[in-house]
C-alpha atoms as a PDB file:
ATOM      1  CA  MET A   1       2.302  37.578  41.659  1.00  0.00           C
ATOM      2  CA  LYS A   2       0.826  34.180  42.455  1.00  0.00           C
ATOM      3  CA  ARG A   3      -2.423  35.120  40.717  1.00  0.00           C
ATOM      4  CA  CYS A   4      -0.545  36.227  37.584  1.00  0.00           C
ATOM      5  CA  LEU A   5       1.430  32.994  37.520  1.00  0.00           C
ATOM      6  CA  LEU A   6      -1.750  30.930  37.769  1.00  0.00           C
ATOM      7  CA  LEU A   7      -3.361  32.912  34.954  1.00  0.00           C
ATOM      8  CA  LEU A   8      -0.248  32.452  32.810  1.00  0.00           C
ATOM      9  CA  LEU A   9      -0.195  28.710  33.426  1.00  0.00           C
ATOM     10  CA  PHE A  10      -3.902  28.461  32.665  1.00  0.00           C
ATOM     11  CA  GLY A  11      -3.392  30.380  29.436  1.00  0.00           C
ATOM     12  CA  VAL A  12      -0.526  28.133  28.334  1.00  0.00           C
ATOM     13  CA  PHE A  13      -2.597  25.022  29.103  1.00  0.00           C
ATOM     14  CA  SER A  14      -5.579  26.393  27.207  1.00  0.00           C
ATOM     15  CA  ILE A  15      -3.510  27.216  24.135  1.00  0.00           C
ATOM     16  CA  SER A  16      -1.736  23.856  24.104  1.00  0.00           C
ATOM     17  CA  SER A  17      -5.005  21.972  24.585  1.00  0.00           C
ATOM     18  CA  LEU A  18      -6.523  23.761  21.588  1.00  0.00           C
ATOM     19  CA  ALA A  19      -3.455  23.464  19.360  1.00  0.00           C
ATOM     20  CA  SER A  20      -3.849  21.527  16.145  1.00  0.00           C
ATOM     21  CA  ALA A  21      -1.969  18.282  15.709  1.00  0.00           C
ATOM     22  CA  VAL A  22       0.374  18.252  12.738  1.00  0.00           C
ATOM     23  CA  VAL A  23       1.804  15.416  10.654  1.00  0.00           C
ATOM     24  CA  SER A  24       4.916  16.652   8.837  1.00  0.00           C
ATOM     25  CA  VAL A  25       6.882  15.371   5.828  1.00  0.00           C
ATOM     26  CA  GLN A  26      10.184  16.967   4.786  1.00  0.00           C
ATOM     27  CA  ILE A  27      10.669  17.679   1.059  1.00  0.00           C
ATOM     28  CA  GLY A  28      14.132  19.185   0.769  1.00  0.00           C
ATOM     29  CA  CYS A  29      13.942  22.359   2.839  1.00  0.00           C
ATOM     30  CA  LYS A  30      10.163  22.537   2.385  1.00  0.00           C
ATOM     31  CA  ARG A  31       7.564  20.733   4.489  1.00  0.00           C
ATOM     32  CA  LEU A  32       4.252  19.097   3.675  1.00  0.00           C
ATOM     33  CA  LEU A  33       1.926  19.330   6.674  1.00  0.00           C
ATOM     34  CA  LEU A  34      -1.358  17.659   7.511  1.00  0.00           C
ATOM     35  CA  VAL A  35      -3.017  19.950  10.056  1.00  0.00           C
ATOM     36  CA  LEU A  36      -5.768  18.253  12.053  1.00  0.00           C
ATOM     37  CA  PRO A  37      -8.495  20.316  13.756  1.00  0.00           C
ATOM     38  CA  PRO A  38      -8.111  21.082  17.475  1.00  0.00           C
ATOM     39  CA  GLY A  39      -8.982  18.111  19.666  1.00  0.00           C
ATOM     40  CA  LEU A  40      -7.878  15.508  17.130  1.00  0.00           C
ATOM     41  CA  SER A  41      -4.548  13.682  17.173  1.00  0.00           C
ATOM     42  CA  PRO A  42      -3.154  11.032  14.812  1.00  0.00           C
ATOM     43  CA  SER A  43      -3.834   8.355  17.441  1.00  0.00           C
ATOM     44  CA  LYS A  44      -7.451   9.495  17.823  1.00  0.00           C
ATOM     45  CA  VAL A  45      -7.838   9.519  14.045  1.00  0.00           C
ATOM     46  CA  ASN A  46      -6.627   5.914  13.954  1.00  0.00           C
ATOM     47  CA  ARG A  47      -9.045   4.883  16.706  1.00  0.00           C
ATOM     48  CA  GLU A  48     -12.084   6.406  14.997  1.00  0.00           C
ATOM     49  CA  TRP A  49     -11.091   5.631  11.406  1.00  0.00           C
ATOM     50  CA  ALA A  50     -13.940   4.114   9.373  1.00  0.00           C
ATOM     51  CA  SER A  51     -16.192   3.987  12.453  1.00  0.00           C
ATOM     52  CA  GLY A  52     -18.903   6.185  10.936  1.00  0.00           C
ATOM     53  CA  ILE A  53     -18.990   8.388  14.043  1.00  0.00           C
ATOM     54  CA  PHE A  54     -20.106  11.899  13.102  1.00  0.00           C
ATOM     55  CA  ARG A  55     -17.445  14.562  13.646  1.00  0.00           C
ATOM     56  CA  SER A  56     -18.435  18.218  13.864  1.00  0.00           C
ATOM     57  CA  GLU A  57     -14.923  19.673  13.724  1.00  0.00           C
ATOM     58  CA  ALA A  58     -13.620  21.713  10.833  1.00  0.00           C
ATOM     59  CA  PRO A  59     -11.973  19.684   8.079  1.00  0.00           C
ATOM     60  CA  ALA A  60      -8.274  18.906   8.120  1.00  0.00           C
ATOM     61  CA  VAL A  61      -5.966  21.019   5.960  1.00  0.00           C
ATOM     62  CA  LEU A  62      -2.966  20.014   3.855  1.00  0.00           C
ATOM     63  CA  GLU A  63      -0.294  22.728   3.798  1.00  0.00           C
ATOM     64  CA  LEU A  64       2.949  23.262   1.910  1.00  0.00           C
ATOM     65  CA  ARG A  65       5.450  25.377   3.817  1.00  0.00           C
ATOM     66  CA  GLY A  66       8.537  27.009   2.339  1.00  0.00           C
ATOM     67  CA  CYS A  67      12.140  26.883   3.507  1.00  0.00           C
ATOM     68  CA  LYS A  68      11.494  29.774   5.909  1.00  0.00           C
ATOM     69  CA  GLY A  69       8.200  28.371   7.167  1.00  0.00           C
ATOM     70  CA  GLN A  70       6.018  30.569   4.975  1.00  0.00           C
ATOM     71  CA  LEU A  71       2.743  29.176   3.652  1.00  0.00           C
ATOM     72  CA  LEU A  72       3.088  28.386  -0.057  1.00  0.00           C
ATOM     73  CA  ASP A  73      -0.181  26.561  -0.724  1.00  0.00           C
ATOM     74  CA  GLN A  74      -2.933  24.625   1.025  1.00  0.00           C
ATOM     75  CA  ILE A  75      -5.824  22.276   0.317  1.00  0.00           C
ATOM     76  CA  THR A  76      -8.846  22.075   2.604  1.00  0.00           C
ATOM     77  CA  LEU A  77      -9.835  18.421   2.814  1.00  0.00           C
ATOM     78  CA  GLU A  78     -13.342  16.952   2.917  1.00  0.00           C
ATOM     79  CA  ALA A  79     -13.380  15.714   6.522  1.00  0.00           C
ATOM     80  CA  PRO A  80     -11.736  16.185   9.940  1.00  0.00           C
ATOM     81  CA  LEU A  81     -10.350  12.637  10.044  1.00  0.00           C
ATOM     82  CA  ALA A  82      -7.411  12.528   7.649  1.00  0.00           C
ATOM     83  CA  ARG A  83      -4.098  10.769   7.122  1.00  0.00           C
ATOM     84  CA  LEU A  84      -0.880  11.568   5.273  1.00  0.00           C
ATOM     85  CA  GLU A  85       1.381   8.758   4.086  1.00  0.00           C
ATOM     86  CA  PRO A  86       4.935   9.952   4.890  1.00  0.00           C
ATOM     87  CA  ALA A  87       6.692   7.940   2.166  1.00  0.00           C
ATOM     88  CA  PRO A  88       6.539   9.421  -1.351  1.00  0.00           C
ATOM     89  CA  LEU A  89       5.203   7.333  -4.195  1.00  0.00           C
ATOM     90  CA  ARG A  90       7.856   5.699  -6.352  1.00  0.00           C
ATOM     91  CA  GLY A  91       8.225   6.388 -10.054  1.00  0.00           C
ATOM     92  CA  THR A  92       6.343   9.692 -10.148  1.00  0.00           C
ATOM     93  CA  PRO A  93       7.680  12.663 -12.155  1.00  0.00           C
ATOM     94  CA  VAL A  94       7.355  15.014  -9.145  1.00  0.00           C
ATOM     95  CA  PRO A  95       7.119  14.426  -5.350  1.00  0.00           C
ATOM     96  CA  THR A  96       3.746  12.771  -4.747  1.00  0.00           C
ATOM     97  CA  TYR A  97       2.115  11.630  -1.500  1.00  0.00           C
ATOM     98  CA  LEU A  98      -1.027   9.737  -0.578  1.00  0.00           C
ATOM     99  CA  VAL A  99      -3.683  11.570   1.444  1.00  0.00           C
ATOM    100  CA  SER A 100      -6.742   9.854   2.935  1.00  0.00           C
ATOM    101  CA  VAL A 101      -9.972  11.301   4.327  1.00  0.00           C
ATOM    102  CA  ASP A 102     -12.609   9.338   6.206  1.00  0.00           C
ATOM    103  CA  LEU A 103     -15.996   9.790   4.526  1.00  0.00           C
ATOM    104  CA  THR A 104     -17.576   6.824   6.305  1.00  0.00           C
ATOM    105  CA  GLN A 105     -21.225   7.216   7.301  1.00  0.00           C
ATOM    106  CA  ALA A 106     -23.261   5.159   9.729  1.00  0.00           C
ATOM    107  CA  ALA A 107     -25.120   3.349   6.941  1.00  0.00           C
ATOM    108  CA  GLY A 108     -24.645   2.585   3.274  1.00  0.00           C
ATOM    109  CA  SER A 109     -22.318   0.400   1.234  1.00  0.00           C
ATOM    110  CA  TYR A 110     -21.041   3.130  -1.088  1.00  0.00           C
ATOM    111  CA  ASN A 111     -19.203   5.317   1.440  1.00  0.00           C
ATOM    112  CA  GLY A 112     -15.957   4.926   3.346  1.00  0.00           C
ATOM    113  CA  PRO A 113     -12.371   6.224   3.438  1.00  0.00           C
ATOM    114  CA  LEU A 114     -11.128   7.896   0.269  1.00  0.00           C
ATOM    115  CA  THR A 115      -7.452   8.048  -0.714  1.00  0.00           C
ATOM    116  CA  PHE A 116      -5.963  10.245  -3.426  1.00  0.00           C
ATOM    117  CA  PRO A 117      -2.441  11.328  -4.448  1.00  0.00           C
ATOM    118  CA  VAL A 118      -1.290  14.930  -4.100  1.00  0.00           C
ATOM    119  CA  GLN A 119       1.778  16.180  -5.954  1.00  0.00           C
ATOM    120  CA  VAL A 120       4.086  19.125  -5.296  1.00  0.00           C
ATOM    121  CA  VAL A 121       4.628  21.155  -8.482  1.00  0.00           C
ATOM    122  CA  ASN A 122       6.492  24.486  -8.474  1.00  0.00           C
ATOM    123  CA  SER A 123       5.675  25.152  -4.801  1.00  0.00           C
ATOM    124  CA  HIS A 124       1.997  24.318  -5.334  1.00  0.00           C
ATOM    125  CA  LEU A 125      -0.167  21.386  -4.246  1.00  0.00           C
ATOM    126  CA  GLU A 126      -2.158  19.587  -6.929  1.00  0.00           C
ATOM    127  CA  ARG A 127      -4.558  16.681  -6.736  1.00  0.00           C
ATOM    128  CA  VAL A 128      -3.361  14.189  -9.292  1.00  0.00           C
ATOM    129  CA  VAL A 129      -5.414  13.488 -12.405  1.00  0.00           C
ATOM    130  CA  ALA A 130      -4.808  10.701 -14.906  1.00  0.00           C
ATOM    131  CA  LEU A 131      -5.163  10.592 -18.673  1.00  0.00           C
ATOM    132  CA  ALA A 132      -7.756   7.999 -19.721  1.00  0.00           C
ATOM    133  CA  ASP A 133      -7.698   5.938 -22.898  1.00  0.00           C
ATOM    134  CA  ASP A 134     -10.398   8.161 -24.436  1.00  0.00           C
ATOM    135  CA  GLY A 135      -8.388  11.341 -23.799  1.00  0.00           C
ATOM    136  CA  ARG A 136     -10.329  12.535 -20.761  1.00  0.00           C
ATOM    137  CA  MET A 137      -8.568  13.648 -17.574  1.00  0.00           C
ATOM    138  CA  GLU A 138      -9.844  11.671 -14.590  1.00  0.00           C
ATOM    139  CA  PRO A 139      -9.152  12.438 -10.902  1.00  0.00           C
ATOM    140  CA  ILE A 140      -7.494   9.565  -9.069  1.00  0.00           C
ATOM    141  CA  HIS A 141      -9.951   8.499  -6.355  1.00  0.00           C
ATOM    142  CA  LEU A 142      -9.225   5.323  -4.409  1.00  0.00           C
ATOM    143  CA  PRO A 143     -12.213   4.504  -2.163  1.00  0.00           C
ATOM    144  CA  ILE A 144     -12.670   1.670   0.293  1.00  0.00           C
ATOM    145  CA  THR A 145     -16.374   0.894   0.708  1.00  0.00           C
ATOM    146  CA  GLY A 146     -18.622  -2.121   0.813  1.00  0.00           C
ATOM    147  CA  LYS A 147     -18.338  -2.285  -2.971  1.00  0.00           C
ATOM    148  CA  ALA A 148     -14.931  -0.770  -3.702  1.00  0.00           C
ATOM    149  CA  ALA A 149     -11.310  -1.454  -2.798  1.00  0.00           C
ATOM    150  CA  TRP A 150      -7.818  -0.795  -4.094  1.00  0.00           C
ATOM    151  CA  LYS A 151      -4.215  -1.906  -3.755  1.00  0.00           C
ATOM    152  CA  LYS A 152      -0.857  -0.238  -4.303  1.00  0.00           C
ATOM    153  CA  ILE A 153       1.541  -2.616  -6.047  1.00  0.00           C
ATOM    154  CA  SER A 154       5.092  -1.859  -7.130  1.00  0.00           C
ATOM    155  CA  ILE A 155       5.954  -2.977 -10.668  1.00  0.00           C
ATOM    156  CA  LYS A 156       9.632  -2.595 -11.612  1.00  0.00           C
ATOM    157  CA  GLY A 157      10.078  -0.018  -8.857  1.00  0.00           C
ATOM    158  CA  VAL A 158       7.045   2.043  -9.897  1.00  0.00           C
ATOM    159  CA  ASP A 159       3.926   2.291  -7.720  1.00  0.00           C
ATOM    160  CA  ASN A 160       0.721   1.302  -9.528  1.00  0.00           C
ATOM    161  CA  PHE A 161      -2.831   1.487  -8.165  1.00  0.00           C
ATOM    162  CA  PHE A 162      -5.315  -1.282  -8.863  1.00  0.00           C
ATOM    163  CA  SER A 163      -8.890  -0.217  -8.080  1.00  0.00           C
ATOM    164  CA  VAL A 164     -12.061  -2.300  -8.281  1.00  0.00           C
ATOM    165  CA  SER A 165     -15.662  -1.210  -7.761  1.00  0.00           C
ATOM    166  CA  CYS A 166     -19.138  -2.619  -8.289  1.00  0.00           C
ATOM    167  CA  GLN A 167     -22.157  -0.510  -9.144  1.00  0.00           C
ATOM    168  CA  PRO A 168     -25.677  -0.973 -10.487  1.00  0.00           C
ATOM    169  CA  GLN A 169     -26.318  -0.586 -14.200  1.00  0.00           C
ATOM    170  CA  ASP A 170     -29.871  -0.858 -15.487  1.00  0.00           C
ATOM    171  CA  LYS A 171     -31.251  -3.870 -13.583  1.00  0.00           C
ATOM    172  CA  HIS A 172     -27.893  -5.572 -13.121  1.00  0.00           C
ATOM    173  CA  PHE A 173     -24.451  -4.887 -11.644  1.00  0.00           C
ATOM    174  CA  VAL A 174     -21.168  -4.177 -13.364  1.00  0.00           C
ATOM    175  CA  ILE A 175     -17.617  -4.562 -12.032  1.00  0.00           C
ATOM    176  CA  ILE A 176     -15.171  -1.812 -13.010  1.00  0.00           C
ATOM    177  CA  TYR A 177     -11.433  -2.463 -12.984  1.00  0.00           C
ATOM    178  CA  ARG A 178      -8.987   0.465 -13.081  1.00  0.00           C
ATOM    179  CA  ARG A 179      -5.203   0.571 -13.162  1.00  0.00           C
ATOM    180  CA  TYR A 180      -3.358   3.837 -12.543  1.00  0.00           C
ATOM    181  CA  ASN A 181       0.339   4.186 -13.312  1.00  0.00           C
ATOM    182  CA  PRO A 182       2.728   7.157 -13.412  1.00  0.00           C
ATOM    183  CA  THR A 183       4.830   7.977 -16.475  1.00  0.00           C
ATOM    184  CA  ARG A 184       7.322  10.726 -17.267  1.00  0.00           C
ATOM    185  CA  GLU A 185       4.495  12.691 -18.887  1.00  0.00           C
ATOM    186  CA  GLY A 186       2.033  12.172 -16.016  1.00  0.00           C
ATOM    187  CA  TRP A 187      -0.424   9.566 -14.793  1.00  0.00           C
ATOM    188  CA  ARG A 188      -2.405   7.188 -17.004  1.00  0.00           C
ATOM    189  CA  VAL A 189      -5.552   5.216 -16.193  1.00  0.00           C
ATOM    190  CA  HIS A 190      -6.779   2.124 -18.004  1.00  0.00           C
ATOM    191  CA  THR A 191     -10.338   0.911 -17.394  1.00  0.00           C
ATOM    192  CA  ARG A 192     -12.220  -2.293 -18.083  1.00  0.00           C
ATOM    193  CA  SER A 193     -15.755  -3.278 -17.046  1.00  0.00           C
ATOM    194  CA  SER A 194     -17.679  -6.531 -17.110  1.00  0.00           C
ATOM    195  CA  PRO A 195     -21.080  -7.744 -15.880  1.00  0.00           C
ATOM    196  CA  GLY A 196     -20.969  -9.235 -12.402  1.00  0.00           C
ATOM    197  CA  PHE A 197     -21.255  -8.605  -8.694  1.00  0.00           C
ATOM    198  CA  TRP A 198     -18.434  -8.002  -6.213  1.00  0.00           C
ATOM    199  CA  GLU A 199     -18.187  -6.836  -2.593  1.00  0.00           C
ATOM    200  CA  SER A 200     -15.111  -5.836  -0.650  1.00  0.00           C
ATOM    201  CA  ASP A 201     -15.517  -8.540   1.997  1.00  0.00           C
ATOM    202  CA  GLY A 202     -14.613 -11.049  -0.720  1.00  0.00           C
ATOM    203  CA  GLU A 203     -11.252 -11.730  -2.333  1.00  0.00           C
ATOM    204  CA  PHE A 204      -9.536  -8.919  -4.211  1.00  0.00           C
ATOM    205  CA  PRO A 205      -9.571  -9.743  -7.936  1.00  0.00           C
ATOM    206  CA  GLU A 206      -6.519 -11.291  -9.547  1.00  0.00           C
ATOM    207  CA  LEU A 207      -4.294  -8.748 -11.285  1.00  0.00           C
ATOM    208  CA  GLU A 208      -4.993 -10.471 -14.597  1.00  0.00           C
ATOM    209  CA  GLN A 209      -8.518  -9.036 -14.392  1.00  0.00           C
ATOM    210  CA  PHE A 210      -7.173  -5.482 -14.668  1.00  0.00           C
ATOM    211  CA  PRO A 211      -6.342  -3.789 -17.979  1.00  0.00           C
END
């Protein structure tokens, strides 16, 4: 009897120690879940965020669960270290949340955490794309690197994203300014570029610089 009890306790401890940490957001009777790989917790994610430490775990997974707990849809993310912003974005046509994955590497100025919005449409998860001025559909990617940064700013109760990046072009550098905003018909992106050099350890550009 004592041996069985010890084995049972050991089994419970083993299962709980391997269980995945979950960050949950309620959407009506449905739930949006960020499932971290075993061994990672939200506090550990925060400690190692943007450190560049290599992680060998499986990537985190974003899940949408139905009113009875059934799996409706899921997105496998690009890295084990991930975050889910619990507050929905304001002004979007459907429930939309920010998800971040840490793509930081030990070296290089063009890598770092990447944030993108995910929307819930008819019990499915969709990465948000925006309509550009030239008619193309562009995924909304909001990186923070040595040469890129972004801000979320509310304008008349609607969340807008202002993104700036600097990249080489020919033998010079160009600064690219993007503004993303939701409308009733979906997201729009406006882009402007100009010659120049910018790094994220400097001041974020004035909003007047953005289109």
